[in-house]
Amino acid sequence: MAHPEPDSPLNCDSGNLLRSGDMRGFQSMARMYTRLAAMPKKG
């Protein structure tokens, strides 16, 4: 995650954001996936 590779992305949407230079959008998407997949569920 520290050095994303836009030329061979695992997630096409993230790769497109990086290739277009939208770092803010990429970081927002990365936060969303982190919350969904890597953090324990509350409740």
PDB file of N, CA and C in Angstrom:
ATOM      1  N   MET A   1       0.811  -1.191   0.000  1.00  0.00           N
ATOM      2  CA  MET A   1       0.000   0.000   0.000  1.00  0.00           C
ATOM      3  C   MET A   1       0.857   1.260   0.000  1.00  0.00           C
ATOM      4  N   ALA A   2       2.083   1.160   0.458  1.00  0.00           N
ATOM      5  CA  ALA A   2       2.938   2.346   0.491  1.00  0.00           C
ATOM      6  C   ALA A   2       3.361   2.769  -0.911  1.00  0.00           C
ATOM      7  N   HIS A   3       3.482   1.797  -1.827  1.00  0.00           N
ATOM      8  CA  HIS A   3       3.916   2.086  -3.195  1.00  0.00           C
ATOM      9  C   HIS A   3       2.984   1.386  -4.180  1.00  0.00           C
ATOM     10  N   PRO A   4       1.783   1.940  -4.405  1.00  0.00           N
ATOM     11  CA  PRO A   4       0.833   1.283  -5.302  1.00  0.00           C
ATOM     12  C   PRO A   4       1.359   1.237  -6.736  1.00  0.00           C
ATOM     13  N   GLU A   5       1.000   0.184  -7.450  1.00  0.00           N
ATOM     14  CA  GLU A   5       1.453  -0.027  -8.824  1.00  0.00           C
ATOM     15  C   GLU A   5       0.260   0.110  -9.774  1.00  0.00           C
ATOM     16  N   PRO A   6       0.073   1.278 -10.393  1.00  0.00           N
ATOM     17  CA  PRO A   6      -1.104   1.492 -11.239  1.00  0.00           C
ATOM     18  C   PRO A   6      -1.082   0.717 -12.553  1.00  0.00           C
ATOM     19  N   ASP A   7       0.081   0.240 -12.984  1.00  0.00           N
ATOM     20  CA  ASP A   7       0.168  -0.469 -14.260  1.00  0.00           C
ATOM     21  C   ASP A   7      -0.298  -1.915 -14.174  1.00  0.00           C
ATOM     22  N   SER A   8      -0.356  -2.482 -12.972  1.00  0.00           N
ATOM     23  CA  SER A   8      -0.792  -3.859 -12.790  1.00  0.00           C
ATOM     24  C   SER A   8      -1.614  -3.965 -11.503  1.00  0.00           C
ATOM     25  N   PRO A   9      -2.777  -3.287 -11.464  1.00  0.00           N
ATOM     26  CA  PRO A   9      -3.550  -3.244 -10.226  1.00  0.00           C
ATOM     27  C   PRO A   9      -4.341  -4.527  -9.975  1.00  0.00           C
ATOM     28  N   LEU A  10      -4.542  -4.854  -8.719  1.00  0.00           N
ATOM     29  CA  LEU A  10      -5.440  -5.951  -8.359  1.00  0.00           C
ATOM     30  C   LEU A  10      -6.885  -5.467  -8.399  1.00  0.00           C
ATOM     31  N   ASN A  11      -7.084  -4.167  -8.211  1.00  0.00           N
ATOM     32  CA  ASN A  11      -8.407  -3.554  -8.254  1.00  0.00           C
ATOM     33  C   ASN A  11      -8.395  -2.526  -9.388  1.00  0.00           C
ATOM     34  N   CYS A  12      -9.191  -2.756 -10.420  1.00  0.00           N
ATOM     35  CA  CYS A  12      -9.180  -1.882 -11.605  1.00  0.00           C
ATOM     36  C   CYS A  12      -9.593  -0.449 -11.284  1.00  0.00           C
ATOM     37  N   ASP A  13     -10.579  -0.281 -10.410  1.00  0.00           N
ATOM     38  CA  ASP A  13     -11.014   1.072 -10.054  1.00  0.00           C
ATOM     39  C   ASP A  13      -9.888   1.848  -9.385  1.00  0.00           C
ATOM     40  N   SER A  14      -9.182   1.199  -8.492  1.00  0.00           N
ATOM     41  CA  SER A  14      -8.051   1.852  -7.828  1.00  0.00           C
ATOM     42  C   SER A  14      -6.962   2.204  -8.840  1.00  0.00           C
ATOM     43  N   GLY A  15      -6.681   1.299  -9.753  1.00  0.00           N
ATOM     44  CA  GLY A  15      -5.684   1.561 -10.788  1.00  0.00           C
ATOM     45  C   GLY A  15      -6.061   2.747 -11.654  1.00  0.00           C
ATOM     46  N   ASN A  16      -7.340   2.840 -12.007  1.00  0.00           N
ATOM     47  CA  ASN A  16      -7.800   3.974 -12.811  1.00  0.00           C
ATOM     48  C   ASN A  16      -7.650   5.287 -12.053  1.00  0.00           C
ATOM     49  N   LEU A  17      -7.954   5.285 -10.768  1.00  0.00           N
ATOM     50  CA  LEU A  17      -7.781   6.500  -9.966  1.00  0.00           C
ATOM     51  C   LEU A  17      -6.318   6.917  -9.926  1.00  0.00           C
ATOM     52  N   LEU A  18      -5.438   5.961  -9.737  1.00  0.00           N
ATOM     53  CA  LEU A  18      -4.007   6.270  -9.691  1.00  0.00           C
ATOM     54  C   LEU A  18      -3.499   6.782 -11.034  1.00  0.00           C
ATOM     55  N   ARG A  19      -3.900   6.128 -12.120  1.00  0.00           N
ATOM     56  CA  ARG A  19      -3.434   6.552 -13.447  1.00  0.00           C
ATOM     57  C   ARG A  19      -3.923   7.950 -13.795  1.00  0.00           C
ATOM     58  N   SER A  20      -5.107   8.328 -13.295  1.00  0.00           N
ATOM     59  CA  SER A  20      -5.633   9.665 -13.582  1.00  0.00           C
ATOM     60  C   SER A  20      -5.069  10.719 -12.632  1.00  0.00           C
ATOM     61  N   GLY A  21      -4.293  10.276 -11.641  1.00  0.00           N
ATOM     62  CA  GLY A  21      -3.675  11.221 -10.707  1.00  0.00           C
ATOM     63  C   GLY A  21      -4.561  11.598  -9.533  1.00  0.00           C
ATOM     64  N   ASP A  22      -5.655  10.867  -9.335  1.00  0.00           N
ATOM     65  CA  ASP A  22      -6.589  11.168  -8.244  1.00  0.00           C
ATOM     66  C   ASP A  22      -6.159  10.440  -6.976  1.00  0.00           C
ATOM     67  N   MET A  23      -5.147  10.963  -6.328  1.00  0.00           N
ATOM     68  CA  MET A  23      -4.616  10.328  -5.120  1.00  0.00           C
ATOM     69  C   MET A  23      -5.631  10.384  -3.978  1.00  0.00           C
ATOM     70  N   ARG A  24      -6.376  11.465  -3.902  1.00  0.00           N
ATOM     71  CA  ARG A  24      -7.397  11.591  -2.851  1.00  0.00           C
ATOM     72  C   ARG A  24      -8.477  10.513  -3.009  1.00  0.00           C
ATOM     73  N   GLY A  25      -8.924  10.298  -4.238  1.00  0.00           N
ATOM     74  CA  GLY A  25      -9.913   9.258  -4.506  1.00  0.00           C
ATOM     75  C   GLY A  25      -9.368   7.874  -4.208  1.00  0.00           C
ATOM     76  N   PHE A  26      -8.111   7.632  -4.583  1.00  0.00           N
ATOM     77  CA  PHE A  26      -7.478   6.346  -4.305  1.00  0.00           C
ATOM     78  C   PHE A  26      -7.396   6.092  -2.804  1.00  0.00           C
ATOM     79  N   GLN A  27      -6.967   7.092  -2.051  1.00  0.00           N
ATOM     80  CA  GLN A  27      -6.839   6.927  -0.600  1.00  0.00           C
ATOM     81  C   GLN A  27      -8.196   6.705   0.051  1.00  0.00           C
ATOM     82  N   SER A  28      -9.218   7.383  -0.451  1.00  0.00           N
ATOM     83  CA  SER A  28     -10.570   7.190   0.070  1.00  0.00           C
ATOM     84  C   SER A  28     -11.052   5.762  -0.181  1.00  0.00           C
ATOM     85  N   MET A  29     -10.793   5.248  -1.382  1.00  0.00           N
ATOM     86  CA  MET A  29     -11.183   3.873  -1.704  1.00  0.00           C
ATOM     87  C   MET A  29     -10.404   2.879  -0.846  1.00  0.00           C
ATOM     88  N   ALA A  30      -9.124   3.131  -0.633  1.00  0.00           N
ATOM     89  CA  ALA A  30      -8.306   2.244   0.199  1.00  0.00           C
ATOM     90  C   ALA A  30      -8.832   2.215   1.634  1.00  0.00           C
ATOM     91  N   ARG A  31      -9.221   3.379   2.161  1.00  0.00           N
ATOM     92  CA  ARG A  31      -9.801   3.422   3.514  1.00  0.00           C
ATOM     93  C   ARG A  31     -11.095   2.614   3.574  1.00  0.00           C
ATOM     94  N   MET A  32     -11.940   2.751   2.547  1.00  0.00           N
ATOM     95  CA  MET A  32     -13.208   2.025   2.521  1.00  0.00           C
ATOM     96  C   MET A  32     -12.969   0.513   2.546  1.00  0.00           C
ATOM     97  N   TYR A  33     -12.060   0.020   1.698  1.00  0.00           N
ATOM     98  CA  TYR A  33     -11.786  -1.413   1.669  1.00  0.00           C
ATOM     99  C   TYR A  33     -11.135  -1.888   2.968  1.00  0.00           C
ATOM    100  N   THR A  34     -10.329  -1.047   3.585  1.00  0.00           N
ATOM    101  CA  THR A  34      -9.727  -1.412   4.869  1.00  0.00           C
ATOM    102  C   THR A  34     -10.809  -1.575   5.923  1.00  0.00           C
ATOM    103  N   ARG A  35     -11.751  -0.634   5.948  1.00  0.00           N
ATOM    104  CA  ARG A  35     -12.847  -0.729   6.926  1.00  0.00           C
ATOM    105  C   ARG A  35     -13.713  -1.955   6.682  1.00  0.00           C
ATOM    106  N   LEU A  36     -13.968  -2.262   5.419  1.00  0.00           N
ATOM    107  CA  LEU A  36     -14.832  -3.401   5.092  1.00  0.00           C
ATOM    108  C   LEU A  36     -14.168  -4.749   5.349  1.00  0.00           C
ATOM    109  N   ALA A  37     -12.887  -4.866   5.041  1.00  0.00           N
ATOM    110  CA  ALA A  37     -12.251  -6.181   5.032  1.00  0.00           C
ATOM    111  C   ALA A  37     -11.243  -6.427   6.142  1.00  0.00           C
ATOM    112  N   ALA A  38     -10.645  -5.388   6.682  1.00  0.00           N
ATOM    113  CA  ALA A  38      -9.519  -5.613   7.588  1.00  0.00           C
ATOM    114  C   ALA A  38      -9.780  -5.202   9.031  1.00  0.00           C
ATOM    115  N   MET A  39     -10.918  -4.602   9.293  1.00  0.00           N
ATOM    116  CA  MET A  39     -11.197  -4.169  10.661  1.00  0.00           C
ATOM    117  C   MET A  39     -12.314  -5.024  11.251  1.00  0.00           C
ATOM    118  N   PRO A  40     -12.235  -5.298  12.549  1.00  0.00           N
ATOM    119  CA  PRO A  40     -13.293  -6.102  13.171  1.00  0.00           C
ATOM    120  C   PRO A  40     -14.636  -5.380  13.123  1.00  0.00           C
ATOM    121  N   LYS A  41     -15.675  -6.165  12.990  1.00  0.00           N
ATOM    122  CA  LYS A  41     -17.026  -5.604  12.954  1.00  0.00           C
ATOM    123  C   LYS A  41     -17.459  -5.213  14.362  1.00  0.00           C
ATOM    124  N   LYS A  42     -18.149  -4.094  14.467  1.00  0.00           N
ATOM    125  CA  LYS A  42     -18.670  -3.641  15.763  1.00  0.00           C
ATOM    126  C   LYS A  42     -20.017  -4.301  16.011  1.00  0.00           C
ATOM    127  N   GLY A  43     -20.290  -4.568  17.275  1.00  0.00           N
ATOM    128  CA  GLY A  43     -21.602  -5.065  17.648  1.00  0.00           C
ATOM    129  C   GLY A  43     -21.660  -6.481  17.765  1.00  0.00           C
TER     130      GLY A  43
END
